[in-house]
Amino acid sequence: MLIYFLVYIDLLFYNRKLKRLVAIDLKTGDFRAEYKGQMELYLRWLARHEREPDENPPLGIILCTGKKSGADRTAGTGQKRHPCRGISHRATAA
């Protein structure tokens, strides 16, 4: 039995100098551990289905609007580790 579910990456870029895909997930509120797991899922999918042989592993960035200070997180995906960073950012009115 196959179960399909929809997941969406908020922003996906390709960095030519780093030769890798960069996935950015935008979240409201403080960072939660489940966000890291979700990003790991995105990175594994990108590495398996979208990555070209000459590219580096994809990079994941989680941007949160919470008031807590920024915290670095590293997303592990089995033996090969994909970098994943969680950053808290407070938007200010211009």
N, C-alpha and C. Protein backbone atom coordinates (compact mmCIF):
# COMPACT_ATOMS: atom_id res chain seq x y z
N MET A 1 0.84 -1.17 0.00
CA MET A 1 0.00 0.00 0.00
C MET A 1 0.89 1.24 0.00
N LEU A 2 0.66 2.13 -0.92
CA LEU A 2 1.42 3.38 -0.99
C LEU A 2 0.60 4.51 -0.39
N ILE A 3 1.25 5.31 0.42
CA ILE A 3 0.59 6.47 1.00
C ILE A 3 1.27 7.71 0.45
N TYR A 4 0.50 8.57 -0.17
CA TYR A 4 1.04 9.80 -0.72
C TYR A 4 0.62 10.97 0.16
N PHE A 5 1.52 11.89 0.36
CA PHE A 5 1.19 13.09 1.09
C PHE A 5 1.90 14.26 0.42
N LEU A 6 1.34 15.42 0.58
CA LEU A 6 1.89 16.61 -0.05
C LEU A 6 2.75 17.38 0.94
N VAL A 7 3.95 17.69 0.53
CA VAL A 7 4.82 18.56 1.31
C VAL A 7 5.33 19.64 0.36
N TYR A 8 5.47 20.81 0.88
CA TYR A 8 5.89 21.93 0.06
C TYR A 8 7.08 22.63 0.70
N ILE A 9 8.07 22.89 -0.11
CA ILE A 9 9.19 23.72 0.29
C ILE A 9 8.79 25.16 -0.04
N ASP A 10 8.97 26.07 0.90
CA ASP A 10 8.56 27.46 0.66
C ASP A 10 9.39 28.10 -0.44
N LEU A 11 10.70 27.95 -0.39
CA LEU A 11 11.59 28.53 -1.40
C LEU A 11 12.67 27.52 -1.75
N LEU A 12 12.99 27.43 -3.04
CA LEU A 12 14.05 26.54 -3.49
C LEU A 12 14.92 27.29 -4.48
N PHE A 13 16.21 27.37 -4.17
CA PHE A 13 17.17 28.08 -5.01
C PHE A 13 18.30 27.13 -5.38
N TYR A 14 19.07 27.53 -6.38
CA TYR A 14 20.30 26.82 -6.71
C TYR A 14 21.45 27.82 -6.61
N ASN A 15 22.45 27.50 -5.79
CA ASN A 15 23.61 28.35 -5.63
C ASN A 15 24.72 27.82 -6.54
N ARG A 16 25.08 28.61 -7.55
CA ARG A 16 26.07 28.16 -8.52
C ARG A 16 27.45 28.01 -7.91
N LYS A 17 27.85 28.90 -7.01
CA LYS A 17 29.19 28.81 -6.42
C LYS A 17 29.31 27.60 -5.49
N LEU A 18 28.26 27.33 -4.73
CA LEU A 18 28.28 26.16 -3.84
C LEU A 18 27.92 24.88 -4.58
N LYS A 19 27.35 25.00 -5.77
CA LYS A 19 26.90 23.86 -6.58
C LYS A 19 25.96 22.98 -5.77
N ARG A 20 24.91 23.60 -5.24
CA ARG A 20 23.94 22.84 -4.45
C ARG A 20 22.59 23.54 -4.44
N LEU A 21 21.54 22.75 -4.23
CA LEU A 21 20.20 23.29 -4.03
C LEU A 21 20.11 23.83 -2.61
N VAL A 22 19.37 24.92 -2.44
CA VAL A 22 19.16 25.51 -1.12
C VAL A 22 17.65 25.59 -0.89
N ALA A 23 17.16 24.82 0.09
CA ALA A 23 15.75 24.80 0.44
C ALA A 23 15.54 25.70 1.66
N ILE A 24 14.56 26.60 1.57
CA ILE A 24 14.27 27.51 2.67
C ILE A 24 12.83 27.29 3.10
N ASP A 25 12.64 27.04 4.39
CA ASP A 25 11.31 26.83 4.96
C ASP A 25 11.00 27.99 5.89
N LEU A 26 9.88 28.66 5.65
CA LEU A 26 9.48 29.83 6.44
C LEU A 26 8.43 29.40 7.47
N LYS A 27 8.68 29.70 8.75
CA LYS A 27 7.77 29.30 9.82
C LYS A 27 7.42 30.50 10.69
N THR A 28 6.19 30.51 11.19
CA THR A 28 5.79 31.53 12.14
C THR A 28 5.94 30.96 13.55
N GLY A 29 6.37 31.77 14.49
CA GLY A 29 6.56 31.31 15.86
C GLY A 29 7.97 30.82 16.10
N ASP A 30 8.16 30.25 17.29
CA ASP A 30 9.47 29.74 17.69
C ASP A 30 9.79 28.44 16.97
N PHE A 31 11.09 28.12 16.91
CA PHE A 31 11.55 26.88 16.30
C PHE A 31 11.02 25.69 17.08
N ARG A 32 10.55 24.67 16.36
CA ARG A 32 10.11 23.42 16.99
C ARG A 32 10.87 22.28 16.35
N ALA A 33 11.12 21.23 17.11
CA ALA A 33 11.92 20.09 16.64
C ALA A 33 11.32 19.45 15.39
N GLU A 34 10.01 19.47 15.26
CA GLU A 34 9.39 18.85 14.09
C GLU A 34 9.77 19.57 12.79
N TYR A 35 10.13 20.85 12.88
CA TYR A 35 10.56 21.58 11.69
C TYR A 35 11.85 20.98 11.13
N LYS A 36 12.74 20.57 12.02
CA LYS A 36 14.00 19.94 11.61
C LYS A 36 13.72 18.63 10.88
N GLY A 37 12.82 17.82 11.43
CA GLY A 37 12.46 16.56 10.80
C GLY A 37 11.84 16.76 9.42
N GLN A 38 11.00 17.79 9.31
CA GLN A 38 10.39 18.10 8.03
C GLN A 38 11.44 18.52 7.01
N MET A 39 12.40 19.34 7.44
CA MET A 39 13.46 19.77 6.54
C MET A 39 14.32 18.59 6.11
N GLU A 40 14.60 17.67 7.04
CA GLU A 40 15.37 16.47 6.69
C GLU A 40 14.66 15.67 5.60
N LEU A 41 13.34 15.59 5.69
CA LEU A 41 12.56 14.91 4.66
C LEU A 41 12.74 15.60 3.31
N TYR A 42 12.64 16.93 3.29
CA TYR A 42 12.84 17.69 2.06
C TYR A 42 14.24 17.42 1.47
N LEU A 43 15.26 17.46 2.33
CA LEU A 43 16.63 17.31 1.86
C LEU A 43 16.90 15.92 1.32
N ARG A 44 16.35 14.90 1.98
CA ARG A 44 16.50 13.53 1.47
C ARG A 44 15.84 13.39 0.10
N TRP A 45 14.65 13.96 -0.06
CA TRP A 45 13.95 13.88 -1.34
C TRP A 45 14.73 14.61 -2.43
N LEU A 46 15.21 15.81 -2.12
CA LEU A 46 15.98 16.57 -3.10
C LEU A 46 17.26 15.83 -3.50
N ALA A 47 17.94 15.25 -2.51
CA ALA A 47 19.18 14.52 -2.79
C ALA A 47 18.91 13.30 -3.67
N ARG A 48 17.79 12.64 -3.45
CA ARG A 48 17.49 11.43 -4.19
C ARG A 48 16.93 11.71 -5.59
N HIS A 49 16.08 12.73 -5.73
CA HIS A 49 15.34 12.92 -6.97
C HIS A 49 15.77 14.12 -7.81
N GLU A 50 16.39 15.11 -7.22
CA GLU A 50 16.70 16.34 -7.96
C GLU A 50 18.20 16.63 -8.11
N ARG A 51 19.01 16.04 -7.27
CA ARG A 51 20.45 16.32 -7.27
C ARG A 51 21.13 15.70 -8.48
N GLU A 52 21.96 16.49 -9.15
CA GLU A 52 22.75 16.01 -10.28
C GLU A 52 24.05 15.40 -9.76
N PRO A 53 24.66 14.50 -10.53
CA PRO A 53 25.88 13.82 -10.05
C PRO A 53 27.03 14.74 -9.65
N ASP A 54 27.17 15.90 -10.31
CA ASP A 54 28.29 16.80 -10.00
C ASP A 54 27.96 17.84 -8.94
N GLU A 55 26.78 17.75 -8.32
CA GLU A 55 26.36 18.73 -7.30
C GLU A 55 26.67 18.24 -5.89
N ASN A 56 26.81 19.20 -4.99
CA ASN A 56 26.96 18.90 -3.56
C ASN A 56 25.58 18.62 -2.97
N PRO A 57 25.53 18.01 -1.76
CA PRO A 57 24.24 17.74 -1.12
C PRO A 57 23.45 19.04 -0.90
N PRO A 58 22.12 18.97 -0.92
CA PRO A 58 21.31 20.17 -0.71
C PRO A 58 21.48 20.74 0.70
N LEU A 59 21.23 22.03 0.81
CA LEU A 59 21.33 22.77 2.06
C LEU A 59 19.94 23.20 2.48
N GLY A 60 19.61 23.06 3.76
CA GLY A 60 18.30 23.47 4.26
C GLY A 60 18.42 24.59 5.26
N ILE A 61 17.55 25.60 5.13
CA ILE A 61 17.52 26.74 6.06
C ILE A 61 16.08 26.88 6.55
N ILE A 62 15.91 26.93 7.87
CA ILE A 62 14.59 27.13 8.47
C ILE A 62 14.58 28.51 9.10
N LEU A 63 13.70 29.37 8.63
CA LEU A 63 13.57 30.73 9.18
C LEU A 63 12.30 30.82 10.01
N CYS A 64 12.45 31.14 11.30
CA CYS A 64 11.32 31.25 12.22
C CYS A 64 11.15 32.70 12.67
N THR A 65 9.92 33.10 12.93
CA THR A 65 9.65 34.47 13.35
C THR A 65 9.63 34.64 14.87
N GLY A 66 9.91 33.59 15.62
CA GLY A 66 9.86 33.64 17.08
C GLY A 66 10.82 34.65 17.68
N LYS A 67 10.64 34.93 18.96
CA LYS A 67 11.45 35.94 19.65
C LYS A 67 12.72 35.35 20.26
N LYS A 68 12.86 34.04 20.26
CA LYS A 68 14.07 33.43 20.83
C LYS A 68 15.26 33.74 19.93
N SER A 69 16.45 33.70 20.53
CA SER A 69 17.66 33.97 19.74
C SER A 69 17.91 32.84 18.76
N GLY A 70 18.72 33.12 17.74
CA GLY A 70 19.01 32.13 16.70
C GLY A 70 19.72 30.92 17.26
N ALA A 71 19.45 29.77 16.69
CA ALA A 71 20.09 28.54 17.12
C ALA A 71 20.43 27.73 15.89
N ASP A 72 21.65 27.22 15.83
CA ASP A 72 22.05 26.39 14.70
C ASP A 72 21.60 24.95 14.94
N ARG A 73 21.11 24.36 13.91
CA ARG A 73 20.70 22.96 13.95
C ARG A 73 21.33 22.26 12.76
N THR A 74 21.75 21.03 12.92
CA THR A 74 22.27 20.26 11.80
C THR A 74 21.35 19.08 11.55
N ALA A 75 20.87 18.96 10.33
CA ALA A 75 19.95 17.88 9.99
C ALA A 75 20.75 16.68 9.51
N GLY A 76 20.59 15.56 10.18
CA GLY A 76 21.26 14.35 9.76
C GLY A 76 20.34 13.48 8.94
N THR A 77 20.86 12.88 7.90
CA THR A 77 20.06 11.99 7.06
C THR A 77 20.87 10.72 6.81
N GLY A 78 20.91 9.88 7.81
CA GLY A 78 21.66 8.64 7.68
C GLY A 78 23.15 8.88 7.79
N GLN A 79 23.93 8.19 6.95
CA GLN A 79 25.37 8.33 7.00
C GLN A 79 25.84 9.66 6.45
N LYS A 80 25.21 10.11 5.39
CA LYS A 80 25.59 11.40 4.84
C LYS A 80 24.77 12.48 5.53
N ARG A 81 25.43 13.51 6.00
CA ARG A 81 24.74 14.58 6.72
C ARG A 81 24.48 15.74 5.78
N HIS A 82 23.26 16.22 5.80
CA HIS A 82 22.88 17.38 5.02
C HIS A 82 22.82 18.56 5.97
N PRO A 83 23.47 19.66 5.62
CA PRO A 83 23.41 20.82 6.51
C PRO A 83 22.01 21.42 6.56
N CYS A 84 21.58 21.75 7.73
CA CYS A 84 20.28 22.36 7.94
C CYS A 84 20.42 23.37 9.06
N ARG A 85 20.03 24.58 8.85
CA ARG A 85 20.17 25.62 9.87
C ARG A 85 18.81 26.18 10.25
N GLY A 86 18.58 26.34 11.54
CA GLY A 86 17.36 26.97 12.04
C GLY A 86 17.72 28.34 12.58
N ILE A 87 17.06 29.37 12.10
CA ILE A 87 17.37 30.74 12.49
C ILE A 87 16.10 31.45 12.91
N SER A 88 16.13 32.07 14.08
CA SER A 88 14.99 32.89 14.50
C SER A 88 15.20 34.30 13.99
N HIS A 89 14.17 34.89 13.43
CA HIS A 89 14.27 36.22 12.88
C HIS A 89 13.02 37.00 13.25
N ARG A 90 13.21 38.18 13.80
CA ARG A 90 12.06 39.01 14.15
C ARG A 90 11.98 40.13 13.14
N ALA A 91 10.87 40.17 12.42
CA ALA A 91 10.67 41.21 11.43
C ALA A 91 10.33 42.54 12.12
N THR A 92 10.85 43.62 11.59
CA THR A 92 10.56 44.94 12.14
C THR A 92 9.87 45.77 11.06
N ALA A 93 9.01 46.65 11.50
CA ALA A 93 8.31 47.53 10.55
C ALA A 93 9.27 48.58 10.04
N ALA A 94 9.20 48.85 8.74
CA ALA A 94 10.11 49.83 8.12
C ALA A 94 9.54 51.22 8.21
